C-alpha atoms as a PDB file:
ATOM      1  CA  MET A   1      54.019  42.252 -51.810  1.00  0.00           C
ATOM      2  CA  LEU A   2      55.139  38.736 -52.769  1.00  0.00           C
ATOM      3  CA  LYS A   3      51.594  37.838 -53.879  1.00  0.00           C
ATOM      4  CA  ALA A   4      51.433  40.945 -56.082  1.00  0.00           C
ATOM      5  CA  TYR A   5      54.812  40.110 -57.612  1.00  0.00           C
ATOM      6  CA  THR A   6      53.726  36.515 -58.251  1.00  0.00           C
ATOM      7  CA  ARG A   7      50.534  37.751 -59.940  1.00  0.00           C
ATOM      8  CA  LEU A   8      52.609  40.016 -62.159  1.00  0.00           C
ATOM      9  CA  LEU A   9      54.902  37.112 -63.059  1.00  0.00           C
ATOM     10  CA  ILE A  10      51.894  35.035 -64.123  1.00  0.00           C
ATOM     11  CA  LYS A  11      50.079  37.821 -65.970  1.00  0.00           C
ATOM     12  CA  HIS A  12      53.084  39.619 -67.518  1.00  0.00           C
ATOM     13  CA  PRO A  13      56.163  37.359 -67.285  1.00  0.00           C
ATOM     14  CA  TYR A  14      58.479  39.179 -69.708  1.00  0.00           C
ATOM     15  CA  PRO A  15      58.053  42.776 -68.461  1.00  0.00           C
ATOM     16  CA  THR A  16      58.185  41.631 -64.829  1.00  0.00           C
ATOM     17  CA  LYS A  17      61.378  39.652 -65.355  1.00  0.00           C
ATOM     18  CA  ILE A  18      62.928  42.488 -67.378  1.00  0.00           C
ATOM     19  CA  MET A  19      62.257  45.004 -64.612  1.00  0.00           C
ATOM     20  CA  THR A  20      63.353  42.637 -61.833  1.00  0.00           C
ATOM     21  CA  SER A  21      66.599  41.694 -63.538  1.00  0.00           C
ATOM     22  CA  GLY A  22      67.308  45.290 -64.533  1.00  0.00           C
ATOM     23  CA  LEU A  23      66.745  46.523 -60.982  1.00  0.00           C
ATOM     24  CA  ILE A  24      68.994  43.825 -59.550  1.00  0.00           C
ATOM     25  CA  PHE A  25      71.748  44.747 -62.017  1.00  0.00           C
ATOM     26  CA  ILE A  26      71.414  48.492 -61.434  1.00  0.00           C
ATOM     27  CA  SER A  27      71.389  47.993 -57.632  1.00  0.00           C
ATOM     28  CA  SER A  28      74.499  45.847 -57.695  1.00  0.00           C
ATOM     29  CA  ASP A  29      76.337  48.295 -59.965  1.00  0.00           C
ATOM     30  CA  PHE A  30      75.348  51.201 -57.710  1.00  0.00           C
ATOM     31  CA  ILE A  31      76.739  49.355 -54.679  1.00  0.00           C
ATOM     32  CA  VAL A  32      79.977  48.601 -56.537  1.00  0.00           C
ATOM     33  CA  GLN A  33      80.411  52.206 -57.674  1.00  0.00           C
ATOM     34  CA  LYS A  34      79.570  53.706 -54.295  1.00  0.00           C
ATOM     35  CA  TYR A  35      81.140  51.305 -51.792  1.00  0.00           C
ATOM     36  CA  ILE A  36      83.727  49.171 -53.606  1.00  0.00           C
ATOM     37  CA  GLU A  37      85.170  51.669 -56.084  1.00  0.00           C
ATOM     38  CA  LYS A  38      84.308  54.599 -53.772  1.00  0.00           C
ATOM     39  CA  GLN A  39      83.443  56.900 -56.661  1.00  0.00           C
ATOM     40  CA  LYS A  40      82.388  60.388 -55.644  1.00  0.00           C
ATOM     41  CA  LYS A  41      80.075  60.706 -58.655  1.00  0.00           C
ATOM     42  CA  ILE A  42      77.912  57.743 -59.710  1.00  0.00           C
ATOM     43  CA  SER A  43      78.005  57.103 -63.453  1.00  0.00           C
ATOM     44  CA  ILE A  44      74.418  57.244 -64.719  1.00  0.00           C
ATOM     45  CA  ARG A  45      75.535  55.932 -68.131  1.00  0.00           C
ATOM     46  CA  ARG A  46      77.048  52.863 -66.488  1.00  0.00           C
ATOM     47  CA  LEU A  47      73.846  52.281 -64.486  1.00  0.00           C
ATOM     48  CA  VAL A  48      71.784  52.486 -67.688  1.00  0.00           C
ATOM     49  CA  VAL A  49      74.098  50.010 -69.407  1.00  0.00           C
ATOM     50  CA  SER A  50      73.858  47.664 -66.400  1.00  0.00           C
ATOM     51  CA  PHE A  51      70.055  47.870 -66.444  1.00  0.00           C
ATOM     52  CA  SER A  52      69.997  47.243 -70.195  1.00  0.00           C
ATOM     53  CA  VAL A  53      72.257  44.200 -70.046  1.00  0.00           C
ATOM     54  CA  GLY A  54      70.372  42.677 -67.115  1.00  0.00           C
ATOM     55  CA  GLY A  55      66.900  43.549 -68.312  1.00  0.00           C
ATOM     56  CA  PHE A  56      66.965  43.364 -72.084  1.00  0.00           C
ATOM     57  CA  TYR A  57      69.598  40.685 -72.669  1.00  0.00           C
ATOM     58  CA  LEU A  58      69.927  38.404 -69.659  1.00  0.00           C
ATOM     59  CA  ALA A  59      66.296  38.248 -68.441  1.00  0.00           C
ATOM     60  CA  PRO A  60      64.781  37.177 -71.797  1.00  0.00           C
ATOM     61  CA  TRP A  61      67.599  34.682 -72.383  1.00  0.00           C
ATOM     62  CA  ILE A  62      67.123  33.069 -68.965  1.00  0.00           C
ATOM     63  CA  HIS A  63      63.329  32.991 -69.398  1.00  0.00           C
ATOM     64  CA  VAL A  64      63.551  31.211 -72.748  1.00  0.00           C
ATOM     65  CA  TRP A  65      66.366  28.912 -71.620  1.00  0.00           C
ATOM     66  CA  PHE A  66      64.542  27.655 -68.513  1.00  0.00           C
ATOM     67  CA  SER A  67      61.091  27.439 -70.100  1.00  0.00           C
ATOM     68  CA  ARG A  68      62.078  25.967 -73.487  1.00  0.00           C
ATOM     69  CA  GLY A  69      65.805  25.263 -73.826  1.00  0.00           C
ATOM     70  CA  ILE A  70      66.405  22.930 -70.914  1.00  0.00           C
ATOM     71  CA  PRO A  71      63.206  20.890 -71.506  1.00  0.00           C
ATOM     72  CA  TRP A  72      64.077  20.569 -75.216  1.00  0.00           C
ATOM     73  CA  PHE A  73      67.606  19.273 -74.516  1.00  0.00           C
ATOM     74  CA  THR A  74      66.681  16.970 -71.643  1.00  0.00           C
ATOM     75  CA  HIS A  75      63.798  15.438 -73.602  1.00  0.00           C
ATOM     76  CA  ARG A  76      66.206  14.485 -76.383  1.00  0.00           C
ATOM     77  CA  ILE A  77      69.002  13.270 -74.114  1.00  0.00           C
ATOM     78  CA  VAL A  78      67.121  11.380 -71.407  1.00  0.00           C
ATOM     79  CA  GLY A  79      63.740  10.659 -73.018  1.00  0.00           C
ATOM     80  CA  LYS A  80      60.153  11.325 -71.996  1.00  0.00           C
ATOM     81  CA  LYS A  81      59.730   8.355 -69.647  1.00  0.00           C
ATOM     82  CA  ALA A  82      62.805   9.168 -67.569  1.00  0.00           C
ATOM     83  CA  LEU A  83      61.723  12.801 -67.186  1.00  0.00           C
ATOM     84  CA  LYS A  84      58.604  11.726 -65.291  1.00  0.00           C
ATOM     85  CA  ASN A  85      60.899  10.860 -62.373  1.00  0.00           C
ATOM     86  CA  LYS A  86      61.529  14.127 -60.467  1.00  0.00           C
ATOM     87  CA  LEU A  87      65.083  13.223 -59.454  1.00  0.00           C
ATOM     88  CA  THR A  88      66.088  12.230 -62.998  1.00  0.00           C
ATOM     89  CA  ASN A  89      64.436  15.368 -64.354  1.00  0.00           C
ATOM     90  CA  THR A  90      66.224  17.610 -61.851  1.00  0.00           C
ATOM     91  CA  ILE A  91      69.663  16.058 -62.351  1.00  0.00           C
ATOM     92  CA  SER A  92      69.418  15.964 -66.151  1.00  0.00           C
ATOM     93  CA  SER A  93      68.160  19.573 -66.255  1.00  0.00           C
ATOM     94  CA  MET A  94      71.054  20.701 -64.042  1.00  0.00           C
ATOM     95  CA  LEU A  95      73.596  18.823 -66.155  1.00  0.00           C
ATOM     96  CA  VAL A  96      72.245  20.302 -69.404  1.00  0.00           C
ATOM     97  CA  ASP A  97      72.179  23.815 -67.928  1.00  0.00           C
ATOM     98  CA  GLN A  98      75.715  23.618 -66.548  1.00  0.00           C
ATOM     99  CA  THR A  99      77.130  21.995 -69.701  1.00  0.00           C
ATOM    100  CA  VAL A 100      75.575  24.359 -72.239  1.00  0.00           C
ATOM    101  CA  ASN A 101      75.739  27.613 -70.270  1.00  0.00           C
ATOM    102  CA  SER A 102      79.228  27.136 -68.841  1.00  0.00           C
ATOM    103  CA  ALA A 103      80.826  27.089 -72.281  1.00  0.00           C
END
């Protein structure tokens, strides 16, 4: 199953990430409605909104941020030569991500 998922990520990254993120969001909202809020009737509208936010907003944003945003910022801040070092690359990427996305 993991190999099939990985193949889908390589062949169709956007739809796969949209569905994965949407399913994670809808699952977590279902658990909250059912077991935390103890609602007798699950709100389908709320599940659809959760899926939409996770799948159509968050998943594309995260995909673009990690594939283009972080490399763009770190390249300008640290420089190309420093990014060849894995430790420098990892730390600078983490710092950029936490600084920009925590605001």
